[in-house]
Protein backbone atom coordinates (compact mmCIF):
# COMPACT_ATOMS: atom_id res chain seq x y z
CA MET A 1 185.29 -31.84 -2.07
CA PHE A 2 182.28 -30.71 -4.29
CA ASP A 3 180.77 -27.40 -5.33
CA ILE A 4 177.48 -26.35 -6.14
CA PRO A 5 176.22 -23.81 -9.04
CA ASP A 6 177.08 -20.21 -8.00
CA GLU A 7 173.49 -19.37 -8.39
CA LYS A 8 172.51 -21.73 -5.49
CA LYS A 9 174.79 -19.88 -3.28
CA ILE A 10 173.98 -17.62 -0.19
CA ARG A 11 175.37 -14.90 1.85
CA VAL A 12 175.46 -15.77 5.55
CA ILE A 13 176.39 -14.32 8.82
CA ILE A 14 176.54 -16.33 11.68
CA ASP A 15 175.69 -14.90 15.06
CA THR A 16 176.91 -17.14 18.27
CA ASP A 17 177.36 -17.50 21.61
CA ALA A 18 180.16 -19.90 20.56
CA ALA A 19 181.39 -20.29 24.25
CA CYS A 20 178.38 -21.01 25.76
CA GLU A 21 178.42 -24.34 25.80
CA ALA A 22 179.38 -27.34 23.14
CA ASP A 23 177.25 -27.10 20.77
CA ASP A 24 177.86 -23.69 18.79
CA PRO A 25 181.18 -24.61 17.43
CA PHE A 26 179.72 -27.93 15.83
CA ALA A 27 177.18 -25.59 13.69
CA ILE A 28 179.93 -23.06 13.02
CA VAL A 29 182.15 -25.82 11.59
CA GLN A 30 179.42 -27.40 9.48
CA GLY A 31 178.88 -23.94 8.21
CA MET A 32 182.10 -23.28 7.01
CA LEU A 33 182.65 -26.78 5.36
CA SER A 34 179.42 -25.66 3.45
CA PRO A 35 179.98 -24.82 -0.21
CA LYS A 36 176.48 -23.41 -0.66
CA LEU A 37 177.13 -20.73 2.32
CA ILE A 38 179.36 -17.72 1.82
CA ILE A 39 180.08 -17.02 5.41
CA LYS A 40 180.67 -13.14 5.17
CA GLY A 41 181.63 -12.92 8.70
CA ILE A 42 180.80 -14.40 12.37
CA VAL A 43 179.41 -12.24 15.10
CA ALA A 44 180.03 -13.06 18.72
CA GLU A 45 176.86 -13.11 21.04
CA HIS A 46 176.74 -12.71 24.80
CA PHE A 47 175.07 -15.11 26.57
CA ALA A 48 174.17 -12.86 30.06
CA GLU A 49 177.52 -13.10 31.90
CA GLU A 50 180.07 -10.94 32.45
CA GLY A 51 182.62 -11.11 29.59
CA SER A 52 180.66 -13.64 27.78
CA VAL A 53 180.99 -11.97 24.44
CA GLU A 54 184.91 -11.68 24.62
CA ARG A 55 184.72 -15.41 25.53
CA SER A 56 182.44 -16.31 22.44
CA LEU A 57 184.72 -14.44 20.08
CA GLU A 58 188.00 -16.09 21.46
CA GLU A 59 186.17 -19.51 20.63
CA ILE A 60 185.33 -18.24 17.30
CA LYS A 61 188.87 -17.09 16.44
CA THR A 62 190.24 -20.36 17.85
CA ILE A 63 187.86 -22.44 15.20
CA LEU A 64 189.13 -20.18 12.74
CA ARG A 65 192.60 -20.55 13.40
CA LEU A 66 192.36 -24.25 13.46
CA MET A 67 190.63 -24.29 10.06
CA ASP A 68 193.12 -21.76 8.67
CA SER A 69 190.26 -19.65 7.71
CA ASP A 70 190.23 -15.62 7.07
CA ILE A 71 186.59 -15.02 7.57
CA PRO A 72 186.21 -11.99 9.61
CA ALA A 73 185.18 -12.46 13.50
CA TYR A 74 183.40 -9.28 15.27
CA LEU A 75 182.77 -8.74 18.75
CA GLY A 76 178.95 -8.03 18.78
CA GLN A 77 176.73 -6.40 21.85
CA MET A 78 178.28 -6.59 25.59
CA GLY A 79 174.90 -7.42 26.91
CA PRO A 80 171.18 -7.12 26.47
CA VAL A 81 169.64 -4.29 24.38
CA ASP A 82 168.29 -2.44 27.18
CA LYS A 83 172.01 -2.57 29.25
CA CYS A 84 174.07 -2.06 26.46
CA SER A 85 173.96 1.06 24.41
CA GLU A 86 177.13 1.46 22.69
CA ILE A 87 176.87 0.02 19.10
CA SER A 88 179.46 -2.78 18.68
CA LYS A 89 181.55 -3.57 15.43
CA GLY A 90 179.36 -6.80 15.00
CA VAL A 91 176.34 -4.55 14.44
CA ASP A 92 177.68 -2.33 12.41
CA PHE A 93 178.84 -5.03 10.32
CA ILE A 94 175.39 -6.99 10.38
CA ILE A 95 174.04 -3.62 9.07
CA LYS A 96 176.79 -2.86 6.33
CA GLU A 97 176.11 -6.51 4.89
CA ALA A 98 172.50 -5.90 5.01
CA MET A 99 172.34 -2.76 3.07
CA LYS A 100 174.67 -4.36 0.30
CA GLU A 101 173.32 -4.67 -3.27
CA ASP A 102 173.80 -8.02 -4.13
CA ASP A 103 171.86 -10.73 -5.89
CA ARG A 104 172.52 -13.28 -3.43
CA PRO A 105 170.33 -13.39 -0.44
CA LEU A 106 171.30 -13.05 3.25
CA PHE A 107 170.66 -15.09 5.91
CA ILE A 108 171.57 -14.56 9.41
CA LEU A 109 171.92 -17.74 11.38
CA CYS A 110 171.10 -16.66 14.73
CA GLN A 111 172.47 -19.17 17.33
CA GLY A 112 172.03 -17.62 20.79
CA ALA A 113 170.21 -14.55 22.20
CA ILE A 114 169.00 -12.32 19.33
CA THR A 115 170.67 -9.17 20.72
CA ASN A 116 173.03 -7.98 17.88
CA VAL A 117 170.13 -8.62 14.98
CA ALA A 118 167.99 -6.51 17.53
CA MET A 119 170.32 -3.53 17.92
CA ALA A 120 170.94 -3.68 13.98
CA ILE A 121 167.22 -3.30 13.34
CA ARG A 122 166.77 -0.32 15.90
CA GLN A 123 169.87 1.69 14.11
CA CYS A 124 168.70 0.68 10.82
CA PRO A 125 165.19 -0.43 10.52
CA ASP A 126 165.54 -0.48 6.64
CA ILE A 127 167.83 -3.88 6.89
CA ILE A 128 164.23 -5.80 7.61
CA GLY A 129 163.63 -6.61 4.45
CA ARG A 130 167.04 -7.18 3.32
CA MET A 131 167.87 -10.31 5.38
CA THR A 132 166.27 -13.79 6.61
CA MET A 133 167.00 -14.82 10.32
CA VAL A 134 167.25 -18.14 11.03
CA TRP A 135 166.84 -18.20 15.05
CA ILE A 136 167.12 -21.09 17.38
CA GLY A 137 164.99 -19.94 20.44
CA THR A 138 161.74 -19.65 22.17
CA HIS A 139 159.28 -22.28 22.80
CA GLY A 140 157.20 -21.85 19.79
CA ALA A 141 154.21 -20.11 18.81
CA GLY A 142 150.56 -20.12 20.44
CA ASP A 143 150.22 -20.09 24.33
CA ARG A 144 152.97 -22.53 25.48
CA LYS A 145 153.96 -22.44 29.06
CA ALA A 146 157.76 -22.97 29.62
CA PRO A 147 158.76 -26.40 30.67
CA PHE A 148 162.33 -24.74 31.48
CA LYS A 149 163.38 -21.28 30.88
CA GLU A 150 164.50 -21.47 27.04
CA PHE A 151 168.05 -20.08 27.16
CA ASN A 152 168.25 -18.16 23.96
CA SER A 153 165.20 -15.88 24.34
CA GLY A 154 165.54 -15.67 28.05
CA ASN A 155 169.01 -13.98 27.53
CA ASP A 156 167.58 -11.11 26.03
CA ILE A 157 164.06 -10.92 26.09
CA THR A 158 163.23 -7.28 25.10
CA ALA A 159 165.54 -8.47 21.87
CA ALA A 160 163.29 -11.33 21.56
CA ASN A 161 159.93 -9.45 21.36
CA GLU A 162 161.47 -6.60 19.40
CA VAL A 163 162.77 -8.90 16.42
CA LEU A 164 159.76 -10.99 16.62
CA GLN A 165 157.16 -7.90 16.43
CA SER A 166 159.50 -6.01 13.84
CA GLY A 167 157.86 -7.57 10.65
CA ALA A 168 161.40 -9.19 9.55
CA ASP A 169 161.67 -12.41 7.97
CA VAL A 170 162.15 -14.95 10.76
CA TRP A 171 162.29 -18.72 10.54
CA LEU A 172 162.18 -19.73 13.93
CA VAL A 173 163.27 -22.91 15.70
CA PRO A 174 162.07 -23.54 18.95
CA SER A 175 162.95 -25.83 21.72
CA ASP A 176 160.85 -28.67 20.98
CA VAL A 177 162.74 -28.98 17.60
CA TYR A 178 166.01 -28.11 18.48
CA THR A 179 166.80 -30.46 21.30
CA THR A 180 165.93 -33.21 19.11
CA ILE A 181 169.50 -33.46 17.61
CA THR A 182 170.85 -35.94 19.59
CA THR A 183 173.88 -37.84 19.30
CA GLY A 184 176.13 -39.95 21.64
CA ILE A 185 179.35 -39.01 23.00
CA ALA A 186 180.65 -42.29 21.69
CA GLU A 187 179.52 -41.39 18.18
CA LEU A 188 181.46 -38.23 18.50
CA GLU A 189 184.77 -39.71 19.62
CA LEU A 190 184.50 -42.15 16.74
CA LYS A 191 183.53 -39.78 14.07
CA VAL A 192 184.61 -36.33 14.81
CA LYS A 193 187.75 -36.37 17.38
CA PRO A 194 189.77 -38.18 14.59
CA CYS A 195 189.29 -35.46 11.83
CA GLY A 196 192.15 -33.19 12.33
CA ASP A 197 192.98 -30.64 14.88
CA ILE A 198 189.66 -29.11 14.31
CA GLY A 199 187.97 -32.62 15.30
CA ARG A 200 189.85 -32.80 18.44
CA HIS A 201 188.99 -29.43 19.49
CA LEU A 202 185.26 -30.16 19.08
CA TYR A 203 185.63 -33.41 20.67
CA GLU A 204 187.39 -32.32 23.79
CA ASN A 205 185.66 -29.04 24.35
CA LEU A 206 182.53 -30.74 24.27
CA VAL A 207 183.64 -33.81 26.85
CA SER A 208 185.61 -30.76 28.91
CA TYR A 209 182.28 -29.04 29.54
CA ASN A 210 180.25 -32.41 29.79
CA MET A 211 182.62 -32.90 32.90
CA SER A 212 182.17 -29.55 34.36
CA LYS A 213 179.51 -28.34 37.12
CA GLU A 214 177.83 -26.26 34.32
CA ALA A 215 176.64 -29.33 32.34
CA TRP A 216 174.21 -30.28 35.24
CA TRP A 217 171.46 -30.05 32.91
CA THR A 218 173.04 -32.93 30.67
CA GLN A 219 172.05 -36.93 30.41
CA GLY A 220 175.48 -37.65 30.63
CA GLU A 221 176.66 -39.57 27.78
CA SER A 222 174.41 -37.54 24.95
CA TRP A 223 174.32 -34.27 23.44
CA SER A 224 171.95 -32.11 21.76
CA LEU A 225 173.66 -30.27 18.65
CA GLY A 226 170.84 -27.81 18.94
CA ASP A 227 172.09 -24.87 17.03
CA SER A 228 172.87 -27.04 13.91
CA PRO A 229 169.42 -27.15 12.52
CA ALA A 230 170.23 -22.93 11.69
CA ILE A 231 172.95 -24.34 8.96
CA ALA A 232 171.01 -26.93 7.93
CA ILE A 233 167.75 -24.98 7.14
CA ALA A 234 169.87 -22.55 5.31
CA LEU A 235 171.27 -25.61 3.24
CA ASN A 236 168.15 -26.58 2.52
CA PRO A 237 164.95 -24.76 4.09
CA GLU A 238 162.67 -28.09 3.47
CA CYS A 239 164.62 -30.32 5.72
CA GLY A 240 162.00 -29.98 8.14
CA ARG A 241 158.20 -29.31 8.30
CA HIS A 242 157.36 -25.51 8.85
CA VAL A 243 154.09 -23.65 9.37
CA ASP A 244 152.96 -19.89 8.85
CA GLU A 245 151.98 -18.52 12.53
CA PRO A 246 152.00 -15.24 14.30
CA ALA A 247 155.10 -14.79 15.92
CA PRO A 248 154.81 -15.40 19.84
CA PHE A 249 155.31 -12.83 22.20
CA ILE A 250 157.93 -14.07 24.84
CA ALA A 251 156.99 -13.64 28.61
CA ASP A 252 159.48 -13.01 31.51
CA ASP A 253 159.85 -16.81 31.96
CA THR A 254 160.06 -17.28 28.66
CA ALA A 255 156.66 -19.07 28.01
CA SER A 256 155.20 -18.19 24.58
CA VAL A 257 151.67 -15.75 24.77
CA TYR A 258 149.60 -16.10 21.65
CA LYS A 259 149.17 -12.62 19.99
CA SER A 260 146.96 -12.34 17.11
CA ASP A 261 148.39 -9.23 15.78
CA ASN A 262 151.78 -10.28 15.69
CA PRO A 263 153.36 -10.64 12.26
CA VAL A 264 153.31 -14.17 10.68
CA ILE A 265 156.72 -15.97 10.54
CA ARG A 266 157.81 -19.21 9.67
CA ILE A 267 157.86 -21.55 12.21
CA TYR A 268 159.71 -25.12 12.21
CA LYS A 269 157.63 -28.17 13.46
CA ASP A 270 160.46 -30.74 13.24
CA VAL A 271 163.82 -31.05 11.22
CA ASP A 272 165.58 -34.00 9.83
CA SER A 273 168.17 -34.80 12.36
CA ARG A 274 169.41 -37.68 10.04
CA TYR A 275 170.37 -35.25 7.46
CA ILE A 276 171.66 -32.71 10.17
CA LEU A 277 174.17 -35.12 11.69
CA GLU A 278 175.02 -37.06 8.61
CA ASP A 279 175.69 -34.22 6.92
CA PHE A 280 178.52 -32.37 9.19
CA PHE A 281 179.92 -35.93 9.81
CA ALA A 282 180.25 -36.64 6.14
CA LYS A 283 181.72 -32.85 5.41
CA LEU A 284 184.41 -33.49 8.33
CA ARG A 285 185.59 -36.26 7.37
CA LEU A 286 185.89 -35.60 3.49
CA HIS A 287 187.98 -32.31 4.61
CA TYR A 288 190.20 -33.79 7.26
CA GLY A 289 189.87 -37.63 6.62
CA THR A 290 190.54 -40.14 9.29
CA PRO A 291 193.76 -42.00 10.60
């Protein structure tokens, strides 16, 4: 497998509701297979269900075991910021990593609610200028009605607004962008399932979820790997068009409300799905081959 110059590598924390549905594990694996990303730790995120953060941690540990990795994994907050005041090990880890003196920039790749980052900022506002957050969430900037309840921001709207109004360096990937990373289940059976124990796990986990009642919202034979843009943007920030605009305020129904005095953040208008998917398929095959 190829390597890249050390000066181009970045520190990364992955914050993920890994057990929520089937796309998070694909993003985690792509990140772990990418030589540019020095993954300092993976933090489990809740998804507004009892025991959800523990389930996310278990899925993270399963991935690490199948890939024989010693990347540390941490339990995040047990629920939304207003319902869980005890500080988790995951939040402590985010603060400590952000406060380290290191020439390599720190990126936090947020693939779910943004509770852990919001709590870290509450505890230590000094981290705001010491990291970049790539967040998969919201319906984007401006005044936008909610075509559906956006899952990630909707699982902790208070945390979403606190982070978006904090002045932190946020790179936002809204719903009309992250839903475009579409692949067929047939393609996943052909390109992912044969690639070692981790490939089989990714494929079987997705198919199992697809057959469950929780997958009522899917089309049946395809999947949106909507968390993968977080990894791709960390690898190549120019893999999609982006603009600088005032961060949205998130309403209770996850609609976006324009606020001219909100901090300006980076908002992606599209991403290169070919690059994202083919990069993942290629790295998986380079590492694990096919029969």
